[in-house]
Amino acid sequence: MEQKNDRQLFGWMSIFFNAYGVPQFMRGNKNEGIKHIILSIVTCGVMGIVYTVKGIISGVHVLQQTDEEYMAEKYAETVEA
């Protein structure tokens, strides 16, 4: 049950708060989260819009996955880092 909640929370955070780097912080990638914040501010919101669109796509993708697919993808990202 915890994995399903984690997957749903990550999906919704990606949809609504990707421009602020929240999903990156949730995955433990502080540098990427800080980069999202700085680029959103420096470009006067242009990159914020780009990150928001990417977040919507990513969030919908995560919400459509099964728990097993989500965990496999999450594990693959932590191994790459």
PDB file of N, CA and C in Angstrom:
ATOM      1  N   MET A   1       0.827  -1.199   0.000  1.00  0.00           N
ATOM      2  CA  MET A   1       0.000   0.000   0.000  1.00  0.00           C
ATOM      3  C   MET A   1       0.867   1.257   0.000  1.00  0.00           C
ATOM      4  N   GLU A   2       2.000   1.197   0.698  1.00  0.00           N
ATOM      5  CA  GLU A   2       2.874   2.366   0.772  1.00  0.00           C
ATOM      6  C   GLU A   2       3.440   2.715  -0.597  1.00  0.00           C
ATOM      7  N   GLN A   3       3.767   1.699  -1.410  1.00  0.00           N
ATOM      8  CA  GLN A   3       4.304   1.956  -2.742  1.00  0.00           C
ATOM      9  C   GLN A   3       3.276   2.666  -3.611  1.00  0.00           C
ATOM     10  N   LYS A   4       2.020   2.266  -3.509  1.00  0.00           N
ATOM     11  CA  LYS A   4       0.981   2.905  -4.311  1.00  0.00           C
ATOM     12  C   LYS A   4       0.844   4.374  -3.916  1.00  0.00           C
ATOM     13  N   ASN A   5       0.863   4.644  -2.617  1.00  0.00           N
ATOM     14  CA  ASN A   5       0.774   6.029  -2.162  1.00  0.00           C
ATOM     15  C   ASN A   5       1.983   6.827  -2.618  1.00  0.00           C
ATOM     16  N   ASP A   6       3.170   6.213  -2.572  1.00  0.00           N
ATOM     17  CA  ASP A   6       4.389   6.876  -3.014  1.00  0.00           C
ATOM     18  C   ASP A   6       4.297   7.202  -4.498  1.00  0.00           C
ATOM     19  N   ARG A   7       3.813   6.269  -5.287  1.00  0.00           N
ATOM     20  CA  ARG A   7       3.673   6.460  -6.729  1.00  0.00           C
ATOM     21  C   ARG A   7       2.668   7.571  -7.023  1.00  0.00           C
ATOM     22  N   GLN A   8       1.543   7.550  -6.340  1.00  0.00           N
ATOM     23  CA  GLN A   8       0.523   8.568  -6.574  1.00  0.00           C
ATOM     24  C   GLN A   8       1.010   9.947  -6.130  1.00  0.00           C
ATOM     25  N   LEU A   9       1.659  10.016  -4.990  1.00  0.00           N
ATOM     26  CA  LEU A   9       2.182  11.298  -4.512  1.00  0.00           C
ATOM     27  C   LEU A   9       3.208  11.849  -5.484  1.00  0.00           C
ATOM     28  N   PHE A  10       4.119  10.994  -5.948  1.00  0.00           N
ATOM     29  CA  PHE A  10       5.135  11.441  -6.896  1.00  0.00           C
ATOM     30  C   PHE A  10       4.491  11.917  -8.200  1.00  0.00           C
ATOM     31  N   GLY A  11       3.484  11.202  -8.677  1.00  0.00           N
ATOM     32  CA  GLY A  11       2.797  11.601  -9.909  1.00  0.00           C
ATOM     33  C   GLY A  11       2.131  12.956  -9.781  1.00  0.00           C
ATOM     34  N   TRP A  12       1.405  13.161  -8.679  1.00  0.00           N
ATOM     35  CA  TRP A  12       0.722  14.446  -8.483  1.00  0.00           C
ATOM     36  C   TRP A  12       1.716  15.582  -8.250  1.00  0.00           C
ATOM     37  N   MET A  13       2.799  15.320  -7.537  1.00  0.00           N
ATOM     38  CA  MET A  13       3.820  16.365  -7.327  1.00  0.00           C
ATOM     39  C   MET A  13       4.490  16.723  -8.650  1.00  0.00           C
ATOM     40  N   SER A  14       4.687  15.733  -9.521  1.00  0.00           N
ATOM     41  CA  SER A  14       5.261  16.016 -10.843  1.00  0.00           C
ATOM     42  C   SER A  14       4.335  16.901 -11.660  1.00  0.00           C
ATOM     43  N   ILE A  15       3.042  16.628 -11.581  1.00  0.00           N
ATOM     44  CA  ILE A  15       2.083  17.413 -12.360  1.00  0.00           C
ATOM     45  C   ILE A  15       2.026  18.859 -11.873  1.00  0.00           C
ATOM     46  N   PHE A  16       1.956  19.056 -10.560  1.00  0.00           N
ATOM     47  CA  PHE A  16       1.709  20.399 -10.039  1.00  0.00           C
ATOM     48  C   PHE A  16       2.963  21.188  -9.659  1.00  0.00           C
ATOM     49  N   PHE A  17       4.050  20.529  -9.279  1.00  0.00           N
ATOM     50  CA  PHE A  17       5.192  21.254  -8.717  1.00  0.00           C
ATOM     51  C   PHE A  17       6.530  20.938  -9.381  1.00  0.00           C
ATOM     52  N   ASN A  18       6.533  20.465 -10.613  1.00  0.00           N
ATOM     53  CA  ASN A  18       7.792  20.134 -11.273  1.00  0.00           C
ATOM     54  C   ASN A  18       8.647  21.373 -11.526  1.00  0.00           C
ATOM     55  N   ALA A  19       8.042  22.522 -11.768  1.00  0.00           N
ATOM     56  CA  ALA A  19       8.807  23.743 -12.020  1.00  0.00           C
ATOM     57  C   ALA A  19       9.615  24.159 -10.792  1.00  0.00           C
ATOM     58  N   TYR A  20       9.176  23.727  -9.612  1.00  0.00           N
ATOM     59  CA  TYR A  20       9.880  24.063  -8.372  1.00  0.00           C
ATOM     60  C   TYR A  20      10.832  22.961  -7.926  1.00  0.00           C
ATOM     61  N   GLY A  21      10.967  21.911  -8.712  1.00  0.00           N
ATOM     62  CA  GLY A  21      11.910  20.848  -8.412  1.00  0.00           C
ATOM     63  C   GLY A  21      11.462  19.863  -7.350  1.00  0.00           C
ATOM     64  N   VAL A  22      10.209  19.896  -6.935  1.00  0.00           N
ATOM     65  CA  VAL A  22       9.737  19.029  -5.854  1.00  0.00           C
ATOM     66  C   VAL A  22       9.954  17.544  -6.160  1.00  0.00           C
ATOM     67  N   PRO A  23       9.614  17.052  -7.370  1.00  0.00           N
ATOM     68  CA  PRO A  23       9.841  15.624  -7.622  1.00  0.00           C
ATOM     69  C   PRO A  23      11.322  15.231  -7.554  1.00  0.00           C
ATOM     70  N   GLN A  24      12.197  16.141  -7.960  1.00  0.00           N
ATOM     71  CA  GLN A  24      13.621  15.845  -7.889  1.00  0.00           C
ATOM     72  C   GLN A  24      14.076  15.743  -6.436  1.00  0.00           C
ATOM     73  N   PHE A  25      13.573  16.629  -5.591  1.00  0.00           N
ATOM     74  CA  PHE A  25      13.901  16.554  -4.168  1.00  0.00           C
ATOM     75  C   PHE A  25      13.346  15.272  -3.555  1.00  0.00           C
ATOM     76  N   MET A  26      12.152  14.848  -4.005  1.00  0.00           N
ATOM     77  CA  MET A  26      11.558  13.618  -3.487  1.00  0.00           C
ATOM     78  C   MET A  26      12.405  12.398  -3.841  1.00  0.00           C
ATOM     79  N   ARG A  27      13.041  12.428  -4.980  1.00  0.00           N
ATOM     80  CA  ARG A  27      13.895  11.316  -5.407  1.00  0.00           C
ATOM     81  C   ARG A  27      15.310  11.427  -4.830  1.00  0.00           C
ATOM     82  N   GLY A  28      15.585  12.508  -4.106  1.00  0.00           N
ATOM     83  CA  GLY A  28      16.898  12.671  -3.488  1.00  0.00           C
ATOM     84  C   GLY A  28      17.919  13.335  -4.384  1.00  0.00           C
ATOM     85  N   ASN A  29      17.503  13.920  -5.483  1.00  0.00           N
ATOM     86  CA  ASN A  29      18.403  14.580  -6.418  1.00  0.00           C
ATOM     87  C   ASN A  29      18.350  16.085  -6.173  1.00  0.00           C
ATOM     88  N   LYS A  30      19.075  16.535  -5.143  1.00  0.00           N
ATOM     89  CA  LYS A  30      19.027  17.945  -4.744  1.00  0.00           C
ATOM     90  C   LYS A  30      19.552  18.875  -5.827  1.00  0.00           C
ATOM     91  N   ASN A  31      20.627  18.490  -6.492  1.00  0.00           N
ATOM     92  CA  ASN A  31      21.219  19.368  -7.508  1.00  0.00           C
ATOM     93  C   ASN A  31      20.244  19.647  -8.648  1.00  0.00           C
ATOM     94  N   GLU A  32      19.542  18.621  -9.090  1.00  0.00           N
ATOM     95  CA  GLU A  32      18.563  18.792 -10.170  1.00  0.00           C
ATOM     96  C   GLU A  32      17.397  19.663  -9.703  1.00  0.00           C
ATOM     97  N   GLY A  33      16.951  19.496  -8.467  1.00  0.00           N
ATOM     98  CA  GLY A  33      15.876  20.316  -7.924  1.00  0.00           C
ATOM     99  C   GLY A  33      16.269  21.778  -7.828  1.00  0.00           C
ATOM    100  N   ILE A  34      17.472  22.039  -7.369  1.00  0.00           N
ATOM    101  CA  ILE A  34      17.972  23.415  -7.274  1.00  0.00           C
ATOM    102  C   ILE A  34      18.108  24.021  -8.669  1.00  0.00           C
ATOM    103  N   LYS A  35      18.548  23.210  -9.635  1.00  0.00           N
ATOM    104  CA  LYS A  35      18.667  23.683 -11.018  1.00  0.00           C
ATOM    105  C   LYS A  35      17.301  24.108 -11.558  1.00  0.00           C
ATOM    106  N   HIS A  36      16.266  23.338 -11.263  1.00  0.00           N
ATOM    107  CA  HIS A  36      14.922  23.703 -11.718  1.00  0.00           C
ATOM    108  C   HIS A  36      14.502  25.053 -11.134  1.00  0.00           C
ATOM    109  N   ILE A  37      14.742  25.247  -9.861  1.00  0.00           N
ATOM    110  CA  ILE A  37      14.356  26.503  -9.212  1.00  0.00           C
ATOM    111  C   ILE A  37      15.113  27.683  -9.810  1.00  0.00           C
ATOM    112  N   ILE A  38      16.426  27.551  -9.928  1.00  0.00           N
ATOM    113  CA  ILE A  38      17.255  28.658 -10.424  1.00  0.00           C
ATOM    114  C   ILE A  38      16.905  29.003 -11.870  1.00  0.00           C
ATOM    115  N   LEU A  39      16.774  27.989 -12.725  1.00  0.00           N
ATOM    116  CA  LEU A  39      16.453  28.269 -14.128  1.00  0.00           C
ATOM    117  C   LEU A  39      15.059  28.854 -14.288  1.00  0.00           C
ATOM    118  N   SER A  40      14.124  28.438 -13.439  1.00  0.00           N
ATOM    119  CA  SER A  40      12.779  29.024 -13.509  1.00  0.00           C
ATOM    120  C   SER A  40      12.807  30.502 -13.158  1.00  0.00           C
ATOM    121  N   ILE A  41      13.630  30.884 -12.197  1.00  0.00           N
ATOM    122  CA  ILE A  41      13.728  32.285 -11.778  1.00  0.00           C
ATOM    123  C   ILE A  41      14.520  33.106 -12.795  1.00  0.00           C
ATOM    124  N   VAL A  42      15.690  32.598 -13.211  1.00  0.00           N
ATOM    125  CA  VAL A  42      16.585  33.352 -14.094  1.00  0.00           C
ATOM    126  C   VAL A  42      15.950  33.610 -15.458  1.00  0.00           C
ATOM    127  N   THR A  43      15.184  32.664 -15.956  1.00  0.00           N
ATOM    128  CA  THR A  43      14.576  32.831 -17.282  1.00  0.00           C
ATOM    129  C   THR A  43      13.201  33.488 -17.206  1.00  0.00           C
ATOM    130  N   CYS A  44      12.878  34.083 -16.072  1.00  0.00           N
ATOM    131  CA  CYS A  44      11.601  34.780 -15.864  1.00  0.00           C
ATOM    132  C   CYS A  44      10.393  33.878 -16.127  1.00  0.00           C
ATOM    133  N   GLY A  45      10.518  32.629 -15.751  1.00  0.00           N
ATOM    134  CA  GLY A  45       9.406  31.702 -15.839  1.00  0.00           C
ATOM    135  C   GLY A  45       9.316  30.889 -17.107  1.00  0.00           C
ATOM    136  N   VAL A  46      10.166  31.180 -18.099  1.00  0.00           N
ATOM    137  CA  VAL A  46      10.105  30.426 -19.349  1.00  0.00           C
ATOM    138  C   VAL A  46      10.432  28.952 -19.105  1.00  0.00           C
ATOM    139  N   MET A  47      11.512  28.680 -18.394  1.00  0.00           N
ATOM    140  CA  MET A  47      11.858  27.295 -18.091  1.00  0.00           C
ATOM    141  C   MET A  47      10.853  26.692 -17.123  1.00  0.00           C
ATOM    142  N   GLY A  48      10.236  27.515 -16.305  1.00  0.00           N
ATOM    143  CA  GLY A  48       9.181  27.026 -15.424  1.00  0.00           C
ATOM    144  C   GLY A  48       8.027  26.448 -16.215  1.00  0.00           C
ATOM    145  N   ILE A  49       7.686  27.100 -17.318  1.00  0.00           N
ATOM    146  CA  ILE A  49       6.622  26.600 -18.192  1.00  0.00           C
ATOM    147  C   ILE A  49       7.048  25.286 -18.837  1.00  0.00           C
ATOM    148  N   VAL A  50       8.300  25.235 -19.300  1.00  0.00           N
ATOM    149  CA  VAL A  50       8.817  24.004 -19.908  1.00  0.00           C
ATOM    150  C   VAL A  50       8.807  22.871 -18.890  1.00  0.00           C
ATOM    151  N   TYR A  51       9.288  23.146 -17.678  1.00  0.00           N
ATOM    152  CA  TYR A  51       9.308  22.117 -16.629  1.00  0.00           C
ATOM    153  C   TYR A  51       7.892  21.695 -16.239  1.00  0.00           C
ATOM    154  N   THR A  52       6.953  22.619 -16.275  1.00  0.00           N
ATOM    155  CA  THR A  52       5.566  22.284 -15.949  1.00  0.00           C
ATOM    156  C   THR A  52       4.987  21.324 -16.986  1.00  0.00           C
ATOM    157  N   VAL A  53       5.224  21.588 -18.254  1.00  0.00           N
ATOM    158  CA  VAL A  53       4.732  20.698 -19.316  1.00  0.00           C
ATOM    159  C   VAL A  53       5.380  19.320 -19.182  1.00  0.00           C
ATOM    160  N   LYS A  54       6.703  19.298 -18.947  1.00  0.00           N
ATOM    161  CA  LYS A  54       7.379  18.017 -18.750  1.00  0.00           C
ATOM    162  C   LYS A  54       6.846  17.295 -17.523  1.00  0.00           C
ATOM    163  N   GLY A  55       6.517  18.039 -16.488  1.00  0.00           N
ATOM    164  CA  GLY A  55       5.980  17.454 -15.272  1.00  0.00           C
ATOM    165  C   GLY A  55       4.610  16.844 -15.480  1.00  0.00           C
ATOM    166  N   ILE A  56       3.781  17.502 -16.280  1.00  0.00           N
ATOM    167  CA  ILE A  56       2.456  16.955 -16.577  1.00  0.00           C
ATOM    168  C   ILE A  56       2.596  15.629 -17.319  1.00  0.00           C
ATOM    169  N   ILE A  57       3.468  15.600 -18.301  1.00  0.00           N
ATOM    170  CA  ILE A  57       3.685  14.366 -19.065  1.00  0.00           C
ATOM    171  C   ILE A  57       4.241  13.271 -18.160  1.00  0.00           C
ATOM    172  N   SER A  58       5.242  13.610 -17.368  1.00  0.00           N
ATOM    173  CA  SER A  58       5.853  12.633 -16.464  1.00  0.00           C
ATOM    174  C   SER A  58       4.869  12.155 -15.399  1.00  0.00           C
ATOM    175  N   GLY A  59       4.094  13.078 -14.846  1.00  0.00           N
ATOM    176  CA  GLY A  59       3.137  12.721 -13.803  1.00  0.00           C
ATOM    177  C   GLY A  59       2.050  11.798 -14.294  1.00  0.00           C
ATOM    178  N   VAL A  60       1.526  12.079 -15.480  1.00  0.00           N
ATOM    179  CA  VAL A  60       0.494  11.213 -16.060  1.00  0.00           C
ATOM    180  C   VAL A  60       1.087   9.830 -16.340  1.00  0.00           C
ATOM    181  N   HIS A  61       2.316   9.800 -16.827  1.00  0.00           N
ATOM    182  CA  HIS A  61       2.988   8.524 -17.085  1.00  0.00           C
ATOM    183  C   HIS A  61       3.125   7.706 -15.800  1.00  0.00           C
ATOM    184  N   VAL A  62       3.554   8.346 -14.730  1.00  0.00           N
ATOM    185  CA  VAL A  62       3.722   7.650 -13.443  1.00  0.00           C
ATOM    186  C   VAL A  62       2.382   7.175 -12.911  1.00  0.00           C
ATOM    187  N   LEU A  63       1.353   7.973 -13.020  1.00  0.00           N
ATOM    188  CA  LEU A  63       0.039   7.580 -12.507  1.00  0.00           C
ATOM    189  C   LEU A  63      -0.565   6.412 -13.289  1.00  0.00           C
ATOM    190  N   GLN A  64      -0.153   6.225 -14.535  1.00  0.00           N
ATOM    191  CA  GLN A  64      -0.670   5.120 -15.334  1.00  0.00           C
ATOM    192  C   GLN A  64       0.110   3.825 -15.123  1.00  0.00           C
ATOM    193  N   GLN A  65       1.275   3.913 -14.495  1.00  0.00           N
ATOM    194  CA  GLN A  65       2.092   2.726 -14.274  1.00  0.00           C
ATOM    195  C   GLN A  65       1.524   1.863 -13.158  1.00  0.00           C
ATOM    196  N   THR A  66       1.905   0.581 -13.193  1.00  0.00           N
ATOM    197  CA  THR A  66       1.605  -0.284 -12.060  1.00  0.00           C
ATOM    198  C   THR A  66       2.678  -0.045 -11.005  1.00  0.00           C
ATOM    199  N   ASP A  67       2.440  -0.549  -9.803  1.00  0.00           N
ATOM    200  CA  ASP A  67       3.430  -0.379  -8.730  1.00  0.00           C
ATOM    201  C   ASP A  67       4.758  -1.035  -9.086  1.00  0.00           C
ATOM    202  N   GLU A  68       4.703  -2.195  -9.757  1.00  0.00           N
ATOM    203  CA  GLU A  68       5.925  -2.904 -10.126  1.00  0.00           C
ATOM    204  C   GLU A  68       6.736  -2.115 -11.151  1.00  0.00           C
ATOM    205  N   GLU A  69       6.043  -1.534 -12.139  1.00  0.00           N
ATOM    206  CA  GLU A  69       6.735  -0.727 -13.140  1.00  0.00           C
ATOM    207  C   GLU A  69       7.359   0.515 -12.504  1.00  0.00           C
ATOM    208  N   TYR A  70       6.639   1.119 -11.591  1.00  0.00           N
ATOM    209  CA  TYR A  70       7.140   2.320 -10.915  1.00  0.00           C
ATOM    210  C   TYR A  70       8.397   1.997 -10.109  1.00  0.00           C
ATOM    211  N   MET A  71       8.354   0.904  -9.353  1.00  0.00           N
ATOM    212  CA  MET A  71       9.506   0.539  -8.528  1.00  0.00           C
ATOM    213  C   MET A  71      10.710   0.170  -9.399  1.00  0.00           C
ATOM    214  N   ALA A  72      10.479  -0.514 -10.519  1.00  0.00           N
ATOM    215  CA  ALA A  72      11.572  -0.858 -11.423  1.00  0.00           C
ATOM    216  C   ALA A  72      12.207   0.399 -12.013  1.00  0.00           C
ATOM    217  N   GLU A  73      11.377   1.368 -12.396  1.00  0.00           N
ATOM    218  CA  GLU A  73      11.885   2.622 -12.948  1.00  0.00           C
ATOM    219  C   GLU A  73      12.612   3.428 -11.882  1.00  0.00           C
ATOM    220  N   LYS A  74      12.048   3.466 -10.692  1.00  0.00           N
ATOM    221  CA  LYS A  74      12.665   4.202  -9.576  1.00  0.00           C
ATOM    222  C   LYS A  74      14.014   3.585  -9.232  1.00  0.00           C
ATOM    223  N   TYR A  75      14.076   2.260  -9.200  1.00  0.00           N
ATOM    224  CA  TYR A  75      15.334   1.585  -8.887  1.00  0.00           C
ATOM    225  C   TYR A  75      16.362   1.831  -9.980  1.00  0.00           C
ATOM    226  N   ALA A  76      15.945   1.819 -11.241  1.00  0.00           N
ATOM    227  CA  ALA A  76      16.866   2.059 -12.352  1.00  0.00           C
ATOM    228  C   ALA A  76      17.462   3.461 -12.277  1.00  0.00           C
ATOM    229  N   GLU A  77      16.659   4.465 -11.855  1.00  0.00           N
ATOM    230  CA  GLU A  77      17.169   5.828 -11.748  1.00  0.00           C
ATOM    231  C   GLU A  77      18.172   5.955 -10.622  1.00  0.00           C
ATOM    232  N   THR A  78      17.976   5.249  -9.498  1.00  0.00           N
ATOM    233  CA  THR A  78      18.912   5.352  -8.387  1.00  0.00           C
ATOM    234  C   THR A  78      20.216   4.641  -8.711  1.00  0.00           C
ATOM    235  N   VAL A  79      20.179   3.597  -9.520  1.00  0.00           N
ATOM    236  CA  VAL A  79      21.400   2.893  -9.904  1.00  0.00           C
ATOM    237  C   VAL A  79      22.226   3.740 -10.855  1.00  0.00           C
ATOM    238  N   GLU A  80      21.560   4.463 -11.768  1.00  0.00           N
ATOM    239  CA  GLU A  80      22.271   5.317 -12.723  1.00  0.00           C
ATOM    240  C   GLU A  80      22.973   6.481 -12.031  1.00  0.00           C
ATOM    241  N   ALA A  81      22.389   7.015 -10.976  1.00  0.00           N
ATOM    242  CA  ALA A  81      22.928   8.202 -10.303  1.00  0.00           C
ATOM    243  C   ALA A  81      24.130   7.904  -9.495  1.00  0.00           C
TER     244      ALA A  81
END
